[in-house]
Structures are given as structure tokens and as C-alpha cells.
């Protein structure tokens, strides 16, 4: 992609973050990347792994709810969720179980 293309990413959950991560890697390597604007409804990235107790209507009149419950554990292996060049082991400095709790997944996303 040419560097003058502009892209809008809606949502900074794992999918949006993956695109932003890879695009920044291309930019750092001096390769073709796009100009990106990312819009996220929540106050922090992480998508459904970003737990909040807030429900109902937010300060803008938009419906909101926490997508996951506080003590949720992943039902998919972390090996399918990690970036190929930034693993959970890279992030935590040790091997962790394949099915981590929500807090571990959210911590990993915050560190990328």
C-alpha cells in the first residue's frame, strides 16, 4: 500500500489492534504503510477483554456494557490469539497456561 492512503479503523479490540500493530511495524521498517485513524468507543483499547462494570447509557447517550464478565477465562488457546513476533512468553517472561483468564489477556494486549 502506498504511504498516502488513509484508513479508518473502527474499534481497538484485538482485530483493530492487530492491524495497528502490523501497520506500525511496516512504518518502523520504512516499508509501505497507510495513515491510520482509529476510533474506539471505550476509554481504553482491548475490546471485549477490556472489562468494565459500566452498563446502560454512557455520557454521550450511547448504550454500553462490559462485553465480558470479570472472572472470564479464555475458551480458545492463547497460541491462537498472540502476535507471531510478540508472544505471551515474550510479554510475561515465562510460559503461561494455554487458556488464561481475562486479566492476563487484557494485560498482554496492553503491552503490545
PDB file of N, CA and C in Angstrom:
ATOM      1  N   UNK A   1       0.842  -1.192   0.000  1.00  0.00           N
ATOM      2  CA  UNK A   1       0.000   0.000   0.000  1.00  0.00           C
ATOM      3  C   UNK A   1       0.877   1.242   0.000  1.00  0.00           C
ATOM      4  N   UNK A   2       0.420   2.232  -0.684  1.00  0.00           N
ATOM      5  CA  UNK A   2       1.155   3.485  -0.723  1.00  0.00           C
ATOM      6  C   UNK A   2       0.988   4.225   0.596  1.00  0.00           C
ATOM      7  N   UNK A   3       2.022   4.967   0.997  1.00  0.00           N
ATOM      8  CA  UNK A   3       2.009   5.690   2.253  1.00  0.00           C
ATOM      9  C   UNK A   3       0.995   6.811   2.317  1.00  0.00           C
ATOM     10  N   UNK A   4       0.440   7.224   1.184  1.00  0.00           N
ATOM     11  CA  UNK A   4      -0.511   8.335   1.201  1.00  0.00           C
ATOM     12  C   UNK A   4      -1.956   7.874   1.336  1.00  0.00           C
ATOM     13  N   UNK A   5      -2.183   6.581   1.425  1.00  0.00           N
ATOM     14  CA  UNK A   5      -3.542   6.091   1.624  1.00  0.00           C
ATOM     15  C   UNK A   5      -3.943   6.299   3.079  1.00  0.00           C
ATOM     16  N   UNK A   6      -5.213   6.600   3.286  1.00  0.00           N
ATOM     17  CA  UNK A   6      -5.724   6.807   4.637  1.00  0.00           C
ATOM     18  C   UNK A   6      -6.742   5.724   4.954  1.00  0.00           C
ATOM     19  N   UNK A   7      -6.677   5.219   6.169  1.00  0.00           N
ATOM     20  CA  UNK A   7      -7.554   4.138   6.612  1.00  0.00           C
ATOM     21  C   UNK A   7      -8.159   4.524   7.958  1.00  0.00           C
ATOM     22  N   UNK A   8      -9.424   4.191   8.121  1.00  0.00           N
ATOM     23  CA  UNK A   8     -10.098   4.387   9.400  1.00  0.00           C
ATOM     24  C   UNK A   8     -10.376   3.011   9.990  1.00  0.00           C
ATOM     25  N   UNK A   9      -9.899   2.795  11.206  1.00  0.00           N
ATOM     26  CA  UNK A   9     -10.142   1.547  11.920  1.00  0.00           C
ATOM     27  C   UNK A   9     -11.198   1.827  12.975  1.00  0.00           C
ATOM     28  N   UNK A  10     -12.272   1.069  12.932  1.00  0.00           N
ATOM     29  CA  UNK A  10     -13.340   1.226  13.911  1.00  0.00           C
ATOM     30  C   UNK A  10     -13.156   0.156  14.981  1.00  0.00           C
ATOM     31  N   UNK A  11     -12.751   0.577  16.150  1.00  0.00           N
ATOM     32  CA  UNK A  11     -12.593  -0.327  17.280  1.00  0.00           C
ATOM     33  C   UNK A  11     -11.152  -0.738  17.515  1.00  0.00           C
ATOM     34  N   UNK A  12     -10.727  -0.627  18.758  1.00  0.00           N
ATOM     35  CA  UNK A  12      -9.374  -1.020  19.143  1.00  0.00           C
ATOM     36  C   UNK A  12      -9.419  -2.286  19.992  1.00  0.00           C
ATOM     37  N   UNK A  13     -10.204  -3.242  19.508  1.00  0.00           N
ATOM     38  CA  UNK A  13     -10.181  -4.572  20.108  1.00  0.00           C
ATOM     39  C   UNK A  13      -9.025  -5.346  19.501  1.00  0.00           C
ATOM     40  N   UNK A  14      -8.940  -6.637  19.738  1.00  0.00           N
ATOM     41  CA  UNK A  14      -7.821  -7.415  19.206  1.00  0.00           C
ATOM     42  C   UNK A  14      -7.649  -7.317  17.685  1.00  0.00           C
ATOM     43  N   UNK A  15      -8.742  -7.286  16.924  1.00  0.00           N
ATOM     44  CA  UNK A  15      -8.636  -7.170  15.461  1.00  0.00           C
ATOM     45  C   UNK A  15      -8.080  -5.823  15.034  1.00  0.00           C
ATOM     46  N   UNK A  16      -8.642  -4.747  15.557  1.00  0.00           N
ATOM     47  CA  UNK A  16      -8.149  -3.416  15.235  1.00  0.00           C
ATOM     48  C   UNK A  16      -6.728  -3.217  15.702  1.00  0.00           C
ATOM     49  N   UNK A  17      -6.428  -3.731  16.895  1.00  0.00           N
ATOM     50  CA  UNK A  17      -5.070  -3.607  17.428  1.00  0.00           C
ATOM     51  C   UNK A  17      -4.069  -4.380  16.579  1.00  0.00           C
ATOM     52  N   UNK A  18      -4.473  -5.523  16.048  1.00  0.00           N
ATOM     53  CA  UNK A  18      -3.594  -6.308  15.196  1.00  0.00           C
ATOM     54  C   UNK A  18      -3.225  -5.518  13.940  1.00  0.00           C
ATOM     55  N   UNK A  19      -4.229  -4.868  13.334  1.00  0.00           N
ATOM     56  CA  UNK A  19      -3.943  -4.047  12.154  1.00  0.00           C
ATOM     57  C   UNK A  19      -3.006  -2.899  12.505  1.00  0.00           C
ATOM     58  N   UNK A  20      -3.278  -2.199  13.607  1.00  0.00           N
ATOM     59  CA  UNK A  20      -2.435  -1.082  14.033  1.00  0.00           C
ATOM     60  C   UNK A  20      -1.008  -1.545  14.326  1.00  0.00           C
ATOM     61  N   UNK A  21      -0.887  -2.677  14.974  1.00  0.00           N
ATOM     62  CA  UNK A  21       0.422  -3.241  15.318  1.00  0.00           C
ATOM     63  C   UNK A  21       1.233  -3.532  14.055  1.00  0.00           C
ATOM     64  N   UNK A  22       0.613  -4.235  13.117  1.00  0.00           N
ATOM     65  CA  UNK A  22       1.329  -4.597  11.881  1.00  0.00           C
ATOM     66  C   UNK A  22       1.655  -3.360  11.044  1.00  0.00           C
ATOM     67  N   UNK A  23       0.742  -2.406  10.986  1.00  0.00           N
ATOM     68  CA  UNK A  23       0.993  -1.184  10.227  1.00  0.00           C
ATOM     69  C   UNK A  23       2.165  -0.403  10.836  1.00  0.00           C
ATOM     70  N   UNK A  24       2.224  -0.340  12.170  1.00  0.00           N
ATOM     71  CA  UNK A  24       3.345   0.346  12.831  1.00  0.00           C
ATOM     72  C   UNK A  24       4.668  -0.366  12.591  1.00  0.00           C
ATOM     73  N   UNK A  25       4.647  -1.698  12.519  1.00  0.00           N
ATOM     74  CA  UNK A  25       5.859  -2.450  12.202  1.00  0.00           C
ATOM     75  C   UNK A  25       6.357  -2.097  10.805  1.00  0.00           C
ATOM     76  N   UNK A  26       5.440  -2.009   9.840  1.00  0.00           N
ATOM     77  CA  UNK A  26       5.825  -1.622   8.479  1.00  0.00           C
ATOM     78  C   UNK A  26       6.414  -0.223   8.456  1.00  0.00           C
ATOM     79  N   UNK A  27       5.788   0.670   9.181  1.00  0.00           N
ATOM     80  CA  UNK A  27       6.257   2.059   9.240  1.00  0.00           C
ATOM     81  C   UNK A  27       7.663   2.134   9.832  1.00  0.00           C
ATOM     82  N   UNK A  28       7.897   1.409  10.932  1.00  0.00           N
ATOM     83  CA  UNK A  28       9.206   1.407  11.579  1.00  0.00           C
ATOM     84  C   UNK A  28      10.289   0.818  10.676  1.00  0.00           C
ATOM     85  N   UNK A  29       9.894  -0.119   9.816  1.00  0.00           N
ATOM     86  CA  UNK A  29      10.837  -0.751   8.895  1.00  0.00           C
ATOM     87  C   UNK A  29      11.029   0.066   7.622  1.00  0.00           C
ATOM     88  N   UNK A  30      10.313   1.188   7.510  1.00  0.00           N
ATOM     89  CA  UNK A  30      10.429   2.025   6.322  1.00  0.00           C
ATOM     90  C   UNK A  30       9.726   1.461   5.111  1.00  0.00           C
ATOM     91  N   UNK A  31       8.825   0.546   5.332  1.00  0.00           N
ATOM     92  CA  UNK A  31       8.072  -0.073   4.235  1.00  0.00           C
ATOM     93  C   UNK A  31       6.748   0.639   4.070  1.00  0.00           C
ATOM     94  N   UNK A  32       6.079   0.341   2.975  1.00  0.00           N
ATOM     95  CA  UNK A  32       4.786   0.966   2.694  1.00  0.00           C
ATOM     96  C   UNK A  32       3.763   0.687   3.776  1.00  0.00           C
ATOM     97  N   UNK A  33       3.158   1.734   4.279  1.00  0.00           N
ATOM     98  CA  UNK A  33       2.094   1.598   5.259  1.00  0.00           C
ATOM     99  C   UNK A  33       1.068   2.693   4.972  1.00  0.00           C
ATOM    100  N   UNK A  34       0.010   2.690   5.719  1.00  0.00           N
ATOM    101  CA  UNK A  34      -1.064   3.654   5.498  1.00  0.00           C
ATOM    102  C   UNK A  34      -1.152   4.612   6.681  1.00  0.00           C
ATOM    103  N   UNK A  35      -1.739   5.770   6.441  1.00  0.00           N
ATOM    104  CA  UNK A  35      -2.061   6.688   7.529  1.00  0.00           C
ATOM    105  C   UNK A  35      -3.344   6.180   8.173  1.00  0.00           C
ATOM    106  N   UNK A  36      -3.332   6.040   9.488  1.00  0.00           N
ATOM    107  CA  UNK A  36      -4.457   5.412  10.180  1.00  0.00           C
ATOM    108  C   UNK A  36      -5.044   6.345  11.229  1.00  0.00           C
ATOM    109  N   UNK A  37      -6.373   6.344  11.286  1.00  0.00           N
ATOM    110  CA  UNK A  37      -7.102   6.943  12.389  1.00  0.00           C
ATOM    111  C   UNK A  37      -7.931   5.812  12.975  1.00  0.00           C
ATOM    112  N   UNK A  38      -7.833   5.621  14.292  1.00  0.00           N
ATOM    113  CA  UNK A  38      -8.587   4.567  14.952  1.00  0.00           C
ATOM    114  C   UNK A  38      -9.578   5.192  15.918  1.00  0.00           C
ATOM    115  N   UNK A  39     -10.821   4.764  15.825  1.00  0.00           N
ATOM    116  CA  UNK A  39     -11.867   5.228  16.734  1.00  0.00           C
ATOM    117  C   UNK A  39     -12.267   4.080  17.660  1.00  0.00           C
ATOM    118  N   UNK A  40     -12.251   4.363  18.944  1.00  0.00           N
ATOM    119  CA  UNK A  40     -12.637   3.373  19.949  1.00  0.00           C
ATOM    120  C   UNK A  40     -13.670   3.990  20.865  1.00  0.00           C
ATOM    121  N   UNK A  41     -14.749   3.285  21.080  1.00  0.00           N
ATOM    122  CA  UNK A  41     -15.843   3.784  21.906  1.00  0.00           C
ATOM    123  C   UNK A  41     -15.499   3.806  23.397  1.00  0.00           C
ATOM    124  N   UNK A  42     -14.729   2.825  23.850  1.00  0.00           N
ATOM    125  CA  UNK A  42     -14.374   2.762  25.264  1.00  0.00           C
ATOM    126  C   UNK A  42     -13.219   3.716  25.562  1.00  0.00           C
ATOM    127  N   UNK A  43     -12.927   3.892  26.823  1.00  0.00           N
ATOM    128  CA  UNK A  43     -11.841   4.790  27.224  1.00  0.00           C
ATOM    129  C   UNK A  43     -10.468   4.129  27.101  1.00  0.00           C
ATOM    130  N   UNK A  44     -10.427   2.840  26.764  1.00  0.00           N
ATOM    131  CA  UNK A  44      -9.166   2.122  26.648  1.00  0.00           C
ATOM    132  C   UNK A  44      -9.317   1.065  25.563  1.00  0.00           C
ATOM    133  N   UNK A  45      -8.204   0.623  24.993  1.00  0.00           N
ATOM    134  CA  UNK A  45      -8.275  -0.428  23.984  1.00  0.00           C
ATOM    135  C   UNK A  45      -8.382  -1.794  24.638  1.00  0.00           C
ATOM    136  N   UNK A  46      -8.610  -2.804  23.822  1.00  0.00           N
ATOM    137  CA  UNK A  46      -8.720  -4.167  24.337  1.00  0.00           C
ATOM    138  C   UNK A  46     -10.034  -4.839  23.984  1.00  0.00           C
ATOM    139  N   UNK A  47     -10.980  -4.063  23.434  1.00  0.00           N
ATOM    140  CA  UNK A  47     -12.247  -4.646  23.013  1.00  0.00           C
ATOM    141  C   UNK A  47     -12.996  -5.314  24.148  1.00  0.00           C
ATOM    142  N   UNK A  48     -13.524  -6.478  23.864  1.00  0.00           N
ATOM    143  CA  UNK A  48     -14.310  -7.200  24.864  1.00  0.00           C
ATOM    144  C   UNK A  48     -13.489  -7.656  26.056  1.00  0.00           C
ATOM    145  N   UNK A  49     -12.158  -7.704  25.908  1.00  0.00           N
ATOM    146  CA  UNK A  49     -11.310  -8.104  27.033  1.00  0.00           C
ATOM    147  C   UNK A  49     -11.101  -6.952  28.000  1.00  0.00           C
ATOM    148  N   UNK A  50     -11.529  -5.751  27.622  1.00  0.00           N
ATOM    149  CA  UNK A  50     -11.447  -4.567  28.480  1.00  0.00           C
ATOM    150  C   UNK A  50     -12.702  -4.528  29.340  1.00  0.00           C
ATOM    151  N   UNK A  51     -12.643  -5.166  30.479  1.00  0.00           N
ATOM    152  CA  UNK A  51     -13.816  -5.277  31.351  1.00  0.00           C
ATOM    153  C   UNK A  51     -14.175  -3.936  31.985  1.00  0.00           C
ATOM    154  N   UNK A  52     -15.452  -3.683  32.083  1.00  0.00           N
ATOM    155  CA  UNK A  52     -15.940  -2.525  32.825  1.00  0.00           C
ATOM    156  C   UNK A  52     -17.258  -2.899  33.493  1.00  0.00           C
ATOM    157  N   UNK A  53     -17.498  -2.321  34.650  1.00  0.00           N
ATOM    158  CA  UNK A  53     -18.779  -2.525  35.340  1.00  0.00           C
ATOM    159  C   UNK A  53     -19.845  -1.612  34.766  1.00  0.00           C
ATOM    160  N   UNK A  54     -19.430  -0.641  33.963  1.00  0.00           N
ATOM    161  CA  UNK A  54     -20.363   0.356  33.437  1.00  0.00           C
ATOM    162  C   UNK A  54     -21.367  -0.314  32.497  1.00  0.00           C
ATOM    163  N   UNK A  55     -22.639  -0.091  32.738  1.00  0.00           N
ATOM    164  CA  UNK A  55     -23.694  -0.601  31.865  1.00  0.00           C
ATOM    165  C   UNK A  55     -24.713   0.507  31.666  1.00  0.00           C
ATOM    166  N   UNK A  56     -25.599   0.297  30.733  1.00  0.00           N
ATOM    167  CA  UNK A  56     -26.654   1.279  30.495  1.00  0.00           C
ATOM    168  C   UNK A  56     -26.272   2.258  29.412  1.00  0.00           C
ATOM    169  N   UNK A  57     -26.287   3.546  29.738  1.00  0.00           N
ATOM    170  CA  UNK A  57     -26.026   4.598  28.763  1.00  0.00           C
ATOM    171  C   UNK A  57     -24.818   5.403  29.238  1.00  0.00           C
ATOM    172  N   UNK A  58     -23.897   5.704  28.314  1.00  0.00           N
ATOM    173  CA  UNK A  58     -22.710   6.475  28.695  1.00  0.00           C
ATOM    174  C   UNK A  58     -22.997   7.969  28.665  1.00  0.00           C
ATOM    175  N   UNK A  59     -21.949   8.772  28.885  1.00  0.00           N
ATOM    176  CA  UNK A  59     -22.109  10.228  28.955  1.00  0.00           C
ATOM    177  C   UNK A  59     -22.538  10.858  27.633  1.00  0.00           C
ATOM    178  N   UNK A  60     -22.462  10.089  26.526  1.00  0.00           N
ATOM    179  CA  UNK A  60     -22.874  10.587  25.212  1.00  0.00           C
ATOM    180  C   UNK A  60     -24.241  10.058  24.788  1.00  0.00           C
ATOM    181  N   UNK A  61     -24.884   9.331  25.685  1.00  0.00           N
ATOM    182  CA  UNK A  61     -26.188   8.767  25.370  1.00  0.00           C
ATOM    183  C   UNK A  61     -26.120   7.464  24.594  1.00  0.00           C
ATOM    184  N   UNK A  62     -24.923   6.877  24.498  1.00  0.00           N
ATOM    185  CA  UNK A  62     -24.736   5.621  23.765  1.00  0.00           C
ATOM    186  C   UNK A  62     -24.872   4.438  24.716  1.00  0.00           C
ATOM    187  N   UNK A  63     -25.493   3.365  24.237  1.00  0.00           N
ATOM    188  CA  UNK A  63     -25.620   2.143  25.022  1.00  0.00           C
ATOM    189  C   UNK A  63     -24.236   1.549  25.245  1.00  0.00           C
ATOM    190  N   UNK A  64     -23.959   1.099  26.433  1.00  0.00           N
ATOM    191  CA  UNK A  64     -22.674   0.465  26.715  1.00  0.00           C
ATOM    192  C   UNK A  64     -22.867  -0.662  27.722  1.00  0.00           C
ATOM    193  N   UNK A  65     -21.973  -1.601  27.654  1.00  0.00           N
ATOM    194  CA  UNK A  65     -21.973  -2.701  28.614  1.00  0.00           C
ATOM    195  C   UNK A  65     -20.601  -3.354  28.579  1.00  0.00           C
ATOM    196  N   UNK A  66     -20.228  -4.009  29.655  1.00  0.00           N
ATOM    197  CA  UNK A  66     -18.995  -4.783  29.661  1.00  0.00           C
ATOM    198  C   UNK A  66     -19.225  -6.047  28.862  1.00  0.00           C
ATOM    199  N   UNK A  67     -18.406  -6.294  27.855  1.00  0.00           N
ATOM    200  CA  UNK A  67     -18.599  -7.442  26.981  1.00  0.00           C
ATOM    201  C   UNK A  67     -18.273  -8.768  27.633  1.00  0.00           C
ATOM    202  N   UNK A  68     -17.422  -8.759  28.628  1.00  0.00           N
ATOM    203  CA  UNK A  68     -17.026  -9.980  29.294  1.00  0.00           C
ATOM    204  C   UNK A  68     -17.318  -9.821  30.781  1.00  0.00           C
ATOM    205  N   UNK A  69     -17.379 -10.911  31.475  1.00  0.00           N
ATOM    206  CA  UNK A  69     -17.502 -10.774  32.919  1.00  0.00           C
ATOM    207  C   UNK A  69     -16.110 -10.823  33.557  1.00  0.00           C
ATOM    208  N   UNK A  70     -16.008 -10.279  34.718  1.00  0.00           N
ATOM    209  CA  UNK A  70     -14.718 -10.037  35.367  1.00  0.00           C
ATOM    210  C   UNK A  70     -13.847 -11.281  35.468  1.00  0.00           C
ATOM    211  N   UNK A  71     -14.398 -12.413  35.814  1.00  0.00           N
ATOM    212  CA  UNK A  71     -13.605 -13.612  36.060  1.00  0.00           C
ATOM    213  C   UNK A  71     -13.595 -14.594  34.890  1.00  0.00           C
ATOM    214  N   UNK A  72     -13.851 -14.103  33.691  1.00  0.00           N
ATOM    215  CA  UNK A  72     -13.861 -14.949  32.496  1.00  0.00           C
ATOM    216  C   UNK A  72     -12.477 -15.529  32.214  1.00  0.00           C
ATOM    217  N   UNK A  73     -12.454 -16.758  31.742  1.00  0.00           N
ATOM    218  CA  UNK A  73     -11.233 -17.391  31.237  1.00  0.00           C
ATOM    219  C   UNK A  73     -11.414 -17.628  29.752  1.00  0.00           C
ATOM    220  N   UNK A  74     -10.343 -17.560  28.994  1.00  0.00           N
ATOM    221  CA  UNK A  74     -10.393 -17.791  27.554  1.00  0.00           C
ATOM    222  C   UNK A  74     -10.805 -19.228  27.262  1.00  0.00           C
ATOM    223  N   UNK A  75     -11.671 -19.408  26.273  1.00  0.00           N
ATOM    224  CA  UNK A  75     -12.026 -20.763  25.851  1.00  0.00           C
ATOM    225  C   UNK A  75     -11.300 -21.140  24.563  1.00  0.00           C
ATOM    226  N   UNK A  76     -10.398 -20.263  24.129  1.00  0.00           N
ATOM    227  CA  UNK A  76      -9.538 -20.544  22.987  1.00  0.00           C
ATOM    228  C   UNK A  76      -8.088 -20.437  23.437  1.00  0.00           C
ATOM    229  N   UNK A  77      -7.210 -21.251  22.872  1.00  0.00           N
ATOM    230  CA  UNK A  77      -5.819 -21.226  23.322  1.00  0.00           C
ATOM    231  C   UNK A  77      -5.131 -19.905  22.995  1.00  0.00           C
ATOM    232  N   UNK A  78      -4.322 -19.435  23.907  1.00  0.00           N
ATOM    233  CA  UNK A  78      -3.604 -18.175  23.727  1.00  0.00           C
ATOM    234  C   UNK A  78      -2.718 -18.213  22.485  1.00  0.00           C
ATOM    235  N   UNK A  79      -2.269 -19.391  22.089  1.00  0.00           N
ATOM    236  CA  UNK A  79      -1.414 -19.520  20.919  1.00  0.00           C
ATOM    237  C   UNK A  79      -2.124 -19.083  19.636  1.00  0.00           C
ATOM    238  N   UNK A  80      -3.443 -19.090  19.652  1.00  0.00           N
ATOM    239  CA  UNK A  80      -4.222 -18.614  18.505  1.00  0.00           C
ATOM    240  C   UNK A  80      -4.529 -17.121  18.605  1.00  0.00           C
ATOM    241  N   UNK A  81      -4.212 -16.504  19.727  1.00  0.00           N
ATOM    242  CA  UNK A  81      -4.555 -15.112  19.972  1.00  0.00           C
ATOM    243  C   UNK A  81      -3.344 -14.188  19.979  1.00  0.00           C
ATOM    244  N   UNK A  82      -2.136 -14.742  20.035  1.00  0.00           N
ATOM    245  CA  UNK A  82      -0.955 -13.902  20.189  1.00  0.00           C
ATOM    246  C   UNK A  82      -0.395 -13.454  18.843  1.00  0.00           C
ATOM    247  N   UNK A  83       0.350 -12.368  18.883  1.00  0.00           N
ATOM    248  CA  UNK A  83       1.060 -11.890  17.697  1.00  0.00           C
ATOM    249  C   UNK A  83       2.219 -12.831  17.424  1.00  0.00           C
ATOM    250  N   UNK A  84       2.526 -13.114  16.159  1.00  0.00           N
ATOM    251  CA  UNK A  84       3.585 -14.091  15.861  1.00  0.00           C
ATOM    252  C   UNK A  84       4.964 -13.664  16.361  1.00  0.00           C
ATOM    253  N   UNK A  85       5.208 -12.352  16.440  1.00  0.00           N
ATOM    254  CA  UNK A  85       6.528 -11.887  16.864  1.00  0.00           C
ATOM    255  C   UNK A  85       6.505 -11.226  18.241  1.00  0.00           C
ATOM    256  N   UNK A  86       5.422 -11.380  18.966  1.00  0.00           N
ATOM    257  CA  UNK A  86       5.317 -10.898  20.350  1.00  0.00           C
ATOM    258  C   UNK A  86       4.391 -11.862  21.085  1.00  0.00           C
ATOM    259  N   UNK A  87       4.983 -12.891  21.635  1.00  0.00           N
ATOM    260  CA  UNK A  87       4.198 -13.956  22.250  1.00  0.00           C
ATOM    261  C   UNK A  87       3.858 -13.619  23.705  1.00  0.00           C
ATOM    262  N   UNK A  88       2.991 -14.409  24.274  1.00  0.00           N
ATOM    263  CA  UNK A  88       2.683 -14.270  25.701  1.00  0.00           C
ATOM    264  C   UNK A  88       3.945 -14.502  26.526  1.00  0.00           C
ATOM    265  N   UNK A  89       4.770 -15.449  26.095  1.00  0.00           N
ATOM    266  CA  UNK A  89       6.019 -15.717  26.803  1.00  0.00           C
ATOM    267  C   UNK A  89       6.947 -14.499  26.735  1.00  0.00           C
ATOM    268  N   UNK A  90       6.999 -13.829  25.570  1.00  0.00           N
ATOM    269  CA  UNK A  90       7.782 -12.592  25.459  1.00  0.00           C
ATOM    270  C   UNK A  90       7.263 -11.550  26.445  1.00  0.00           C
ATOM    271  N   UNK A  91       5.950 -11.417  26.509  1.00  0.00           N
ATOM    272  CA  UNK A  91       5.338 -10.387  27.351  1.00  0.00           C
ATOM    273  C   UNK A  91       5.550 -10.645  28.842  1.00  0.00           C
ATOM    274  N   UNK A  92       5.308 -11.881  29.262  1.00  0.00           N
ATOM    275  CA  UNK A  92       5.366 -12.202  30.691  1.00  0.00           C
ATOM    276  C   UNK A  92       6.727 -12.727  31.147  1.00  0.00           C
ATOM    277  N   UNK A  93       7.610 -13.048  30.195  1.00  0.00           N
ATOM    278  CA  UNK A  93       8.932 -13.543  30.557  1.00  0.00           C
ATOM    279  C   UNK A  93       8.942 -14.975  31.051  1.00  0.00           C
ATOM    280  N   UNK A  94       7.844 -15.696  30.825  1.00  0.00           N
ATOM    281  CA  UNK A  94       7.753 -17.102  31.237  1.00  0.00           C
ATOM    282  C   UNK A  94       6.595 -17.745  30.486  1.00  0.00           C
ATOM    283  N   UNK A  95       6.584 -19.064  30.509  1.00  0.00           N
ATOM    284  CA  UNK A  95       5.493 -19.814  29.887  1.00  0.00           C
ATOM    285  C   UNK A  95       4.268 -19.719  30.786  1.00  0.00           C
ATOM    286  N   UNK A  96       3.109 -19.498  30.174  1.00  0.00           N
ATOM    287  CA  UNK A  96       1.858 -19.470  30.931  1.00  0.00           C
ATOM    288  C   UNK A  96       0.906 -20.498  30.334  1.00  0.00           C
ATOM    289  N   UNK A  97      -0.154 -20.874  31.048  1.00  0.00           N
ATOM    290  CA  UNK A  97      -1.111 -21.857  30.530  1.00  0.00           C
ATOM    291  C   UNK A  97      -1.763 -21.391  29.224  1.00  0.00           C
ATOM    292  N   UNK A  98      -2.218 -22.330  28.432  1.00  0.00           N
ATOM    293  CA  UNK A  98      -2.817 -22.014  27.126  1.00  0.00           C
ATOM    294  C   UNK A  98      -4.168 -21.315  27.226  1.00  0.00           C
ATOM    295  N   UNK A  99      -4.877 -21.478  28.329  1.00  0.00           N
ATOM    296  CA  UNK A  99      -6.201 -20.885  28.475  1.00  0.00           C
ATOM    297  C   UNK A  99      -6.191 -19.906  29.649  1.00  0.00           C
ATOM    298  N   UNK A 100      -5.688 -18.681  29.416  1.00  0.00           N
ATOM    299  CA  UNK A 100      -5.534 -17.730  30.518  1.00  0.00           C
ATOM    300  C   UNK A 100      -6.829 -17.010  30.870  1.00  0.00           C
ATOM    301  N   UNK A 101      -6.858 -16.399  32.055  1.00  0.00           N
ATOM    302  CA  UNK A 101      -8.016 -15.588  32.439  1.00  0.00           C
ATOM    303  C   UNK A 101      -8.024 -14.252  31.695  1.00  0.00           C
ATOM    304  N   UNK A 102      -9.176 -13.600  31.730  1.00  0.00           N
ATOM    305  CA  UNK A 102      -9.362 -12.324  31.046  1.00  0.00           C
ATOM    306  C   UNK A 102      -8.293 -11.308  31.415  1.00  0.00           C
ATOM    307  N   UNK A 103      -7.946 -11.230  32.697  1.00  0.00           N
ATOM    308  CA  UNK A 103      -6.967 -10.233  33.142  1.00  0.00           C
ATOM    309  C   UNK A 103      -5.609 -10.432  32.476  1.00  0.00           C
ATOM    310  N   UNK A 104      -5.221 -11.673  32.248  1.00  0.00           N
ATOM    311  CA  UNK A 104      -3.948 -11.966  31.587  1.00  0.00           C
ATOM    312  C   UNK A 104      -4.016 -11.566  30.116  1.00  0.00           C
ATOM    313  N   UNK A 105      -5.119 -11.888  29.454  1.00  0.00           N
ATOM    314  CA  UNK A 105      -5.279 -11.489  28.052  1.00  0.00           C
ATOM    315  C   UNK A 105      -5.271  -9.970  27.904  1.00  0.00           C
ATOM    316  N   UNK A 106      -5.959  -9.285  28.789  1.00  0.00           N
ATOM    317  CA  UNK A 106      -6.006  -7.825  28.723  1.00  0.00           C
ATOM    318  C   UNK A 106      -4.624  -7.223  28.989  1.00  0.00           C
ATOM    319  N   UNK A 107      -3.886  -7.778  29.954  1.00  0.00           N
ATOM    320  CA  UNK A 107      -2.525  -7.312  30.238  1.00  0.00           C
ATOM    321  C   UNK A 107      -1.634  -7.475  29.011  1.00  0.00           C
ATOM    322  N   UNK A 108      -1.738  -8.601  28.337  1.00  0.00           N
ATOM    323  CA  UNK A 108      -0.962  -8.850  27.117  1.00  0.00           C
ATOM    324  C   UNK A 108      -1.310  -7.801  26.052  1.00  0.00           C
ATOM    325  N   UNK A 109      -2.591  -7.541  25.840  1.00  0.00           N
ATOM    326  CA  UNK A 109      -2.987  -6.546  24.842  1.00  0.00           C
ATOM    327  C   UNK A 109      -2.477  -5.151  25.200  1.00  0.00           C
ATOM    328  N   UNK A 110      -2.425  -4.828  26.471  1.00  0.00           N
ATOM    329  CA  UNK A 110      -1.919  -3.525  26.882  1.00  0.00           C
ATOM    330  C   UNK A 110      -0.432  -3.373  26.627  1.00  0.00           C
ATOM    331  N   UNK A 111       0.287  -4.495  26.582  1.00  0.00           N
ATOM    332  CA  UNK A 111       1.732  -4.443  26.401  1.00  0.00           C
ATOM    333  C   UNK A 111       2.212  -4.452  24.978  1.00  0.00           C
ATOM    334  N   UNK A 112       1.311  -4.602  24.028  1.00  0.00           N
ATOM    335  CA  UNK A 112       1.739  -4.685  22.628  1.00  0.00           C
ATOM    336  C   UNK A 112       1.943  -3.334  22.018  1.00  0.00           C
TER     337      UNK A 112
END
